[in-house]
Amino acid sequence: MKAIKASELRVKSVDELRKLEQEKTENLFNLNIRHAAGATVNSADLGVLRRDLARVKTVLTEKLSG
């Protein structure tokens, strides 16, 4: 899984960021469930997904506050 750069996120609109945040949250939830169930999950993908979600939330907050 490839990480998203913050510069790529800054060119997106607020609506696009909200949609991306929703998708990343759902993907993280599903990946956590599969990991907990013992299915073969690349644990590095969990970290990448968490950081991507944090980047999306950070950029979204930046756009909404200023």
PDB file of N, CA and C in Angstrom:
ATOM      1  N   MET A   1       0.852  -1.171   0.000  1.00  0.00           N
ATOM      2  CA  MET A   1       0.000   0.000   0.000  1.00  0.00           C
ATOM      3  C   MET A   1       0.900   1.236   0.000  1.00  0.00           C
ATOM      4  N   LYS A   2       0.591   2.181  -0.876  1.00  0.00           N
ATOM      5  CA  LYS A   2       1.389   3.380  -1.009  1.00  0.00           C
ATOM      6  C   LYS A   2       0.772   4.513  -0.189  1.00  0.00           C
ATOM      7  N   ALA A   3       1.606   5.231   0.527  1.00  0.00           N
ATOM      8  CA  ALA A   3       1.129   6.328   1.361  1.00  0.00           C
ATOM      9  C   ALA A   3       0.768   7.537   0.500  1.00  0.00           C
ATOM     10  N   ILE A   4      -0.193   8.303   0.967  1.00  0.00           N
ATOM     11  CA  ILE A   4      -0.614   9.528   0.298  1.00  0.00           C
ATOM     12  C   ILE A   4       0.218  10.680   0.851  1.00  0.00           C
ATOM     13  N   LYS A   5       0.692  11.543  -0.025  1.00  0.00           N
ATOM     14  CA  LYS A   5       1.455  12.703   0.410  1.00  0.00           C
ATOM     15  C   LYS A   5       0.499  13.841   0.771  1.00  0.00           C
ATOM     16  N   ALA A   6       0.898  14.647   1.737  1.00  0.00           N
ATOM     17  CA  ALA A   6       0.059  15.763   2.160  1.00  0.00           C
ATOM     18  C   ALA A   6      -0.128  16.761   1.023  1.00  0.00           C
ATOM     19  N   SER A   7       0.885  16.921   0.192  1.00  0.00           N
ATOM     20  CA  SER A   7       0.769  17.857  -0.931  1.00  0.00           C
ATOM     21  C   SER A   7      -0.313  17.406  -1.914  1.00  0.00           C
ATOM     22  N   GLU A   8      -0.491  16.092  -2.058  1.00  0.00           N
ATOM     23  CA  GLU A   8      -1.557  15.573  -2.920  1.00  0.00           C
ATOM     24  C   GLU A   8      -2.930  15.872  -2.321  1.00  0.00           C
ATOM     25  N   LEU A   9      -3.001  15.886  -1.002  1.00  0.00           N
ATOM     26  CA  LEU A   9      -4.279  16.124  -0.330  1.00  0.00           C
ATOM     27  C   LEU A   9      -4.663  17.597  -0.330  1.00  0.00           C
ATOM     28  N   ARG A  10      -3.671  18.468  -0.302  1.00  0.00           N
ATOM     29  CA  ARG A  10      -3.965  19.902  -0.200  1.00  0.00           C
ATOM     30  C   ARG A  10      -4.646  20.457  -1.438  1.00  0.00           C
ATOM     31  N   VAL A  11      -4.538  19.779  -2.571  1.00  0.00           N
ATOM     32  CA  VAL A  11      -5.187  20.264  -3.793  1.00  0.00           C
ATOM     33  C   VAL A  11      -6.632  19.786  -3.905  1.00  0.00           C
ATOM     34  N   LYS A  12      -7.061  18.916  -3.004  1.00  0.00           N
ATOM     35  CA  LYS A  12      -8.428  18.387  -3.032  1.00  0.00           C
ATOM     36  C   LYS A  12      -9.376  19.329  -2.298  1.00  0.00           C
ATOM     37  N   SER A  13     -10.648  19.241  -2.658  1.00  0.00           N
ATOM     38  CA  SER A  13     -11.666  20.069  -2.003  1.00  0.00           C
ATOM     39  C   SER A  13     -12.045  19.450  -0.657  1.00  0.00           C
ATOM     40  N   VAL A  14     -12.783  20.208   0.135  1.00  0.00           N
ATOM     41  CA  VAL A  14     -13.219  19.743   1.451  1.00  0.00           C
ATOM     42  C   VAL A  14     -14.123  18.522   1.312  1.00  0.00           C
ATOM     43  N   ASP A  15     -15.008  18.541   0.316  1.00  0.00           N
ATOM     44  CA  ASP A  15     -15.907  17.395   0.106  1.00  0.00           C
ATOM     45  C   ASP A  15     -15.128  16.139  -0.265  1.00  0.00           C
ATOM     46  N   GLU A  16     -14.121  16.295  -1.113  1.00  0.00           N
ATOM     47  CA  GLU A  16     -13.285  15.150  -1.491  1.00  0.00           C
ATOM     48  C   GLU A  16     -12.530  14.605  -0.291  1.00  0.00           C
ATOM     49  N   LEU A  17     -12.055  15.500   0.556  1.00  0.00           N
ATOM     50  CA  LEU A  17     -11.327  15.074   1.757  1.00  0.00           C
ATOM     51  C   LEU A  17     -12.240  14.349   2.727  1.00  0.00           C
ATOM     52  N   ARG A  18     -13.458  14.832   2.875  1.00  0.00           N
ATOM     53  CA  ARG A  18     -14.412  14.154   3.765  1.00  0.00           C
ATOM     54  C   ARG A  18     -14.738  12.756   3.260  1.00  0.00           C
ATOM     55  N   LYS A  19     -14.903  12.631   1.940  1.00  0.00           N
ATOM     56  CA  LYS A  19     -15.181  11.326   1.346  1.00  0.00           C
ATOM     57  C   LYS A  19     -13.982  10.393   1.543  1.00  0.00           C
ATOM     58  N   LEU A  20     -12.782  10.911   1.336  1.00  0.00           N
ATOM     59  CA  LEU A  20     -11.566  10.119   1.518  1.00  0.00           C
ATOM     60  C   LEU A  20     -11.397   9.704   2.978  1.00  0.00           C
ATOM     61  N   GLU A  21     -11.743  10.606   3.902  1.00  0.00           N
ATOM     62  CA  GLU A  21     -11.675  10.284   5.328  1.00  0.00           C
ATOM     63  C   GLU A  21     -12.629   9.128   5.660  1.00  0.00           C
ATOM     64  N   GLN A  22     -13.822   9.169   5.105  1.00  0.00           N
ATOM     65  CA  GLN A  22     -14.805   8.110   5.325  1.00  0.00           C
ATOM     66  C   GLN A  22     -14.282   6.777   4.784  1.00  0.00           C
ATOM     67  N   GLU A  23     -13.725   6.798   3.580  1.00  0.00           N
ATOM     68  CA  GLU A  23     -13.195   5.573   2.971  1.00  0.00           C
ATOM     69  C   GLU A  23     -12.045   4.990   3.785  1.00  0.00           C
ATOM     70  N   LYS A  24     -11.122   5.857   4.211  1.00  0.00           N
ATOM     71  CA  LYS A  24      -9.962   5.393   4.985  1.00  0.00           C
ATOM     72  C   LYS A  24     -10.407   4.828   6.334  1.00  0.00           C
ATOM     73  N   THR A  25     -11.400   5.449   6.953  1.00  0.00           N
ATOM     74  CA  THR A  25     -11.902   4.962   8.236  1.00  0.00           C
ATOM     75  C   THR A  25     -12.522   3.577   8.078  1.00  0.00           C
ATOM     76  N   GLU A  26     -13.315   3.399   7.031  1.00  0.00           N
ATOM     77  CA  GLU A  26     -13.928   2.091   6.782  1.00  0.00           C
ATOM     78  C   GLU A  26     -12.873   1.036   6.465  1.00  0.00           C
ATOM     79  N   ASN A  27     -11.886   1.400   5.643  1.00  0.00           N
ATOM     80  CA  ASN A  27     -10.822   0.456   5.306  1.00  0.00           C
ATOM     81  C   ASN A  27     -10.028   0.047   6.540  1.00  0.00           C
ATOM     82  N   LEU A  28      -9.738   1.012   7.405  1.00  0.00           N
ATOM     83  CA  LEU A  28      -8.988   0.719   8.625  1.00  0.00           C
ATOM     84  C   LEU A  28      -9.786  -0.205   9.536  1.00  0.00           C
ATOM     85  N   PHE A  29     -11.071   0.061   9.667  1.00  0.00           N
ATOM     86  CA  PHE A  29     -11.935  -0.788  10.486  1.00  0.00           C
ATOM     87  C   PHE A  29     -11.929  -2.225   9.959  1.00  0.00           C
ATOM     88  N   ASN A  30     -12.140  -2.368   8.655  1.00  0.00           N
ATOM     89  CA  ASN A  30     -12.178  -3.702   8.055  1.00  0.00           C
ATOM     90  C   ASN A  30     -10.840  -4.426   8.185  1.00  0.00           C
ATOM     91  N   LEU A  31      -9.756  -3.703   8.006  1.00  0.00           N
ATOM     92  CA  LEU A  31      -8.431  -4.304   8.123  1.00  0.00           C
ATOM     93  C   LEU A  31      -8.154  -4.725   9.563  1.00  0.00           C
ATOM     94  N   ASN A  32      -8.585  -3.919  10.519  1.00  0.00           N
ATOM     95  CA  ASN A  32      -8.425  -4.276  11.936  1.00  0.00           C
ATOM     96  C   ASN A  32      -9.225  -5.526  12.289  1.00  0.00           C
ATOM     97  N   ILE A  33     -10.431  -5.630  11.755  1.00  0.00           N
ATOM     98  CA  ILE A  33     -11.261  -6.808  12.003  1.00  0.00           C
ATOM     99  C   ILE A  33     -10.593  -8.050  11.428  1.00  0.00           C
ATOM    100  N   ARG A  34     -10.112  -7.956  10.189  1.00  0.00           N
ATOM    101  CA  ARG A  34      -9.443  -9.098   9.570  1.00  0.00           C
ATOM    102  C   ARG A  34      -8.169  -9.481  10.317  1.00  0.00           C
ATOM    103  N   HIS A  35      -7.443  -8.478  10.795  1.00  0.00           N
ATOM    104  CA  HIS A  35      -6.217  -8.735  11.555  1.00  0.00           C
ATOM    105  C   HIS A  35      -6.534  -9.438  12.875  1.00  0.00           C
ATOM    106  N   ALA A  36      -7.584  -8.984  13.546  1.00  0.00           N
ATOM    107  CA  ALA A  36      -7.980  -9.575  14.826  1.00  0.00           C
ATOM    108  C   ALA A  36      -8.503 -10.997  14.646  1.00  0.00           C
ATOM    109  N   ALA A  37      -9.111 -11.258  13.496  1.00  0.00           N
ATOM    110  CA  ALA A  37      -9.654 -12.583  13.228  1.00  0.00           C
ATOM    111  C   ALA A  37      -8.568 -13.583  12.840  1.00  0.00           C
ATOM    112  N   GLY A  38      -7.369 -13.069  12.623  1.00  0.00           N
ATOM    113  CA  GLY A  38      -6.265 -13.958  12.295  1.00  0.00           C
ATOM    114  C   GLY A  38      -6.064 -14.182  10.811  1.00  0.00           C
ATOM    115  N   ALA A  39      -6.779 -13.441   9.995  1.00  0.00           N
ATOM    116  CA  ALA A  39      -6.590 -13.555   8.548  1.00  0.00           C
ATOM    117  C   ALA A  39      -5.227 -12.969   8.195  1.00  0.00           C
ATOM    118  N   THR A  40      -4.672 -13.426   7.119  1.00  0.00           N
ATOM    119  CA  THR A  40      -3.359 -12.931   6.729  1.00  0.00           C
ATOM    120  C   THR A  40      -3.476 -11.489   6.256  1.00  0.00           C
ATOM    121  N   VAL A  41      -2.967 -10.587   7.061  1.00  0.00           N
ATOM    122  CA  VAL A  41      -2.997  -9.157   6.776  1.00  0.00           C
ATOM    123  C   VAL A  41      -1.578  -8.641   6.920  1.00  0.00           C
ATOM    124  N   ASN A  42      -1.145  -7.868   5.956  1.00  0.00           N
ATOM    125  CA  ASN A  42       0.163  -7.238   6.059  1.00  0.00           C
ATOM    126  C   ASN A  42       0.067  -6.151   7.137  1.00  0.00           C
ATOM    127  N   SER A  43       0.746  -6.372   8.241  1.00  0.00           N
ATOM    128  CA  SER A  43       0.614  -5.438   9.361  1.00  0.00           C
ATOM    129  C   SER A  43       1.176  -4.057   9.032  1.00  0.00           C
ATOM    130  N   ALA A  44       2.047  -3.962   8.052  1.00  0.00           N
ATOM    131  CA  ALA A  44       2.560  -2.657   7.645  1.00  0.00           C
ATOM    132  C   ALA A  44       1.446  -1.814   7.025  1.00  0.00           C
ATOM    133  N   ASP A  45       0.481  -2.468   6.387  1.00  0.00           N
ATOM    134  CA  ASP A  45      -0.646  -1.744   5.795  1.00  0.00           C
ATOM    135  C   ASP A  45      -1.476  -1.026   6.855  1.00  0.00           C
ATOM    136  N   LEU A  46      -1.549  -1.603   8.049  1.00  0.00           N
ATOM    137  CA  LEU A  46      -2.288  -0.946   9.138  1.00  0.00           C
ATOM    138  C   LEU A  46      -1.649   0.399   9.471  1.00  0.00           C
ATOM    139  N   GLY A  47      -0.339   0.416   9.590  1.00  0.00           N
ATOM    140  CA  GLY A  47       0.364   1.660   9.906  1.00  0.00           C
ATOM    141  C   GLY A  47       0.227   2.693   8.814  1.00  0.00           C
ATOM    142  N   VAL A  48       0.353   2.248   7.561  1.00  0.00           N
ATOM    143  CA  VAL A  48       0.217   3.168   6.427  1.00  0.00           C
ATOM    144  C   VAL A  48      -1.186   3.765   6.401  1.00  0.00           C
ATOM    145  N   LEU A  49      -2.172   2.935   6.638  1.00  0.00           N
ATOM    146  CA  LEU A  49      -3.559   3.406   6.620  1.00  0.00           C
ATOM    147  C   LEU A  49      -3.829   4.383   7.762  1.00  0.00           C
ATOM    148  N   ARG A  50      -3.281   4.099   8.939  1.00  0.00           N
ATOM    149  CA  ARG A  50      -3.442   5.028  10.073  1.00  0.00           C
ATOM    150  C   ARG A  50      -2.812   6.384   9.772  1.00  0.00           C
ATOM    151  N   ARG A  51      -1.613   6.361   9.212  1.00  0.00           N
ATOM    152  CA  ARG A  51      -0.934   7.623   8.894  1.00  0.00           C
ATOM    153  C   ARG A  51      -1.659   8.385   7.788  1.00  0.00           C
ATOM    154  N   ASP A  52      -2.171   7.652   6.780  1.00  0.00           N
ATOM    155  CA  ASP A  52      -2.943   8.306   5.726  1.00  0.00           C
ATOM    156  C   ASP A  52      -4.178   8.989   6.298  1.00  0.00           C
ATOM    157  N   LEU A  53      -4.871   8.292   7.185  1.00  0.00           N
ATOM    158  CA  LEU A  53      -6.069   8.860   7.800  1.00  0.00           C
ATOM    159  C   LEU A  53      -5.706  10.100   8.612  1.00  0.00           C
ATOM    160  N   ALA A  54      -4.608  10.051   9.323  1.00  0.00           N
ATOM    161  CA  ALA A  54      -4.167  11.210  10.099  1.00  0.00           C
ATOM    162  C   ALA A  54      -3.832  12.384   9.181  1.00  0.00           C
ATOM    163  N   ARG A  55      -3.194  12.107   8.052  1.00  0.00           N
ATOM    164  CA  ARG A  55      -2.872  13.172   7.097  1.00  0.00           C
ATOM    165  C   ARG A  55      -4.141  13.803   6.533  1.00  0.00           C
ATOM    166  N   VAL A  56      -5.109  12.973   6.190  1.00  0.00           N
ATOM    167  CA  VAL A  56      -6.378  13.480   5.655  1.00  0.00           C
ATOM    168  C   VAL A  56      -7.054  14.365   6.688  1.00  0.00           C
ATOM    169  N   LYS A  57      -7.107  13.908   7.932  1.00  0.00           N
ATOM    170  CA  LYS A  57      -7.754  14.693   8.984  1.00  0.00           C
ATOM    171  C   LYS A  57      -7.017  16.003   9.234  1.00  0.00           C
ATOM    172  N   THR A  58      -5.693  15.981   9.173  1.00  0.00           N
ATOM    173  CA  THR A  58      -4.899  17.177   9.399  1.00  0.00           C
ATOM    174  C   THR A  58      -5.171  18.205   8.311  1.00  0.00           C
ATOM    175  N   VAL A  59      -5.129  17.776   7.058  1.00  0.00           N
ATOM    176  CA  VAL A  59      -5.352  18.695   5.941  1.00  0.00           C
ATOM    177  C   VAL A  59      -6.787  19.220   5.974  1.00  0.00           C
ATOM    178  N   LEU A  60      -7.734  18.365   6.318  1.00  0.00           N
ATOM    179  CA  LEU A  60      -9.124  18.788   6.418  1.00  0.00           C
ATOM    180  C   LEU A  60      -9.287  19.867   7.489  1.00  0.00           C
ATOM    181  N   THR A  61      -8.651  19.662   8.619  1.00  0.00           N
ATOM    182  CA  THR A  61      -8.699  20.656   9.699  1.00  0.00           C
ATOM    183  C   THR A  61      -8.055  21.971   9.259  1.00  0.00           C
ATOM    184  N   GLU A  62      -6.938  21.884   8.541  1.00  0.00           N
ATOM    185  CA  GLU A  62      -6.277  23.086   8.038  1.00  0.00           C
ATOM    186  C   GLU A  62      -7.209  23.876   7.120  1.00  0.00           C
ATOM    187  N   LYS A  63      -7.896  23.159   6.240  1.00  0.00           N
ATOM    188  CA  LYS A  63      -8.780  23.843   5.285  1.00  0.00           C
ATOM    189  C   LYS A  63      -9.996  24.455   5.986  1.00  0.00           C
ATOM    190  N   LEU A  64     -10.515  23.783   6.990  1.00  0.00           N
ATOM    191  CA  LEU A  64     -11.705  24.285   7.665  1.00  0.00           C
ATOM    192  C   LEU A  64     -11.395  25.444   8.605  1.00  0.00           C
ATOM    193  N   SER A  65     -10.198  25.484   9.151  1.00  0.00           N
ATOM    194  CA  SER A  65      -9.874  26.535  10.113  1.00  0.00           C
ATOM    195  C   SER A  65      -9.254  27.769   9.462  1.00  0.00           C
ATOM    196  N   GLY A  66      -8.866  27.662   8.245  1.00  0.00           N
ATOM    197  CA  GLY A  66      -8.236  28.841   7.682  1.00  0.00           C
ATOM    198  C   GLY A  66      -8.276  28.844   6.254  1.00  0.00           C
TER     199      GLY A  66
END
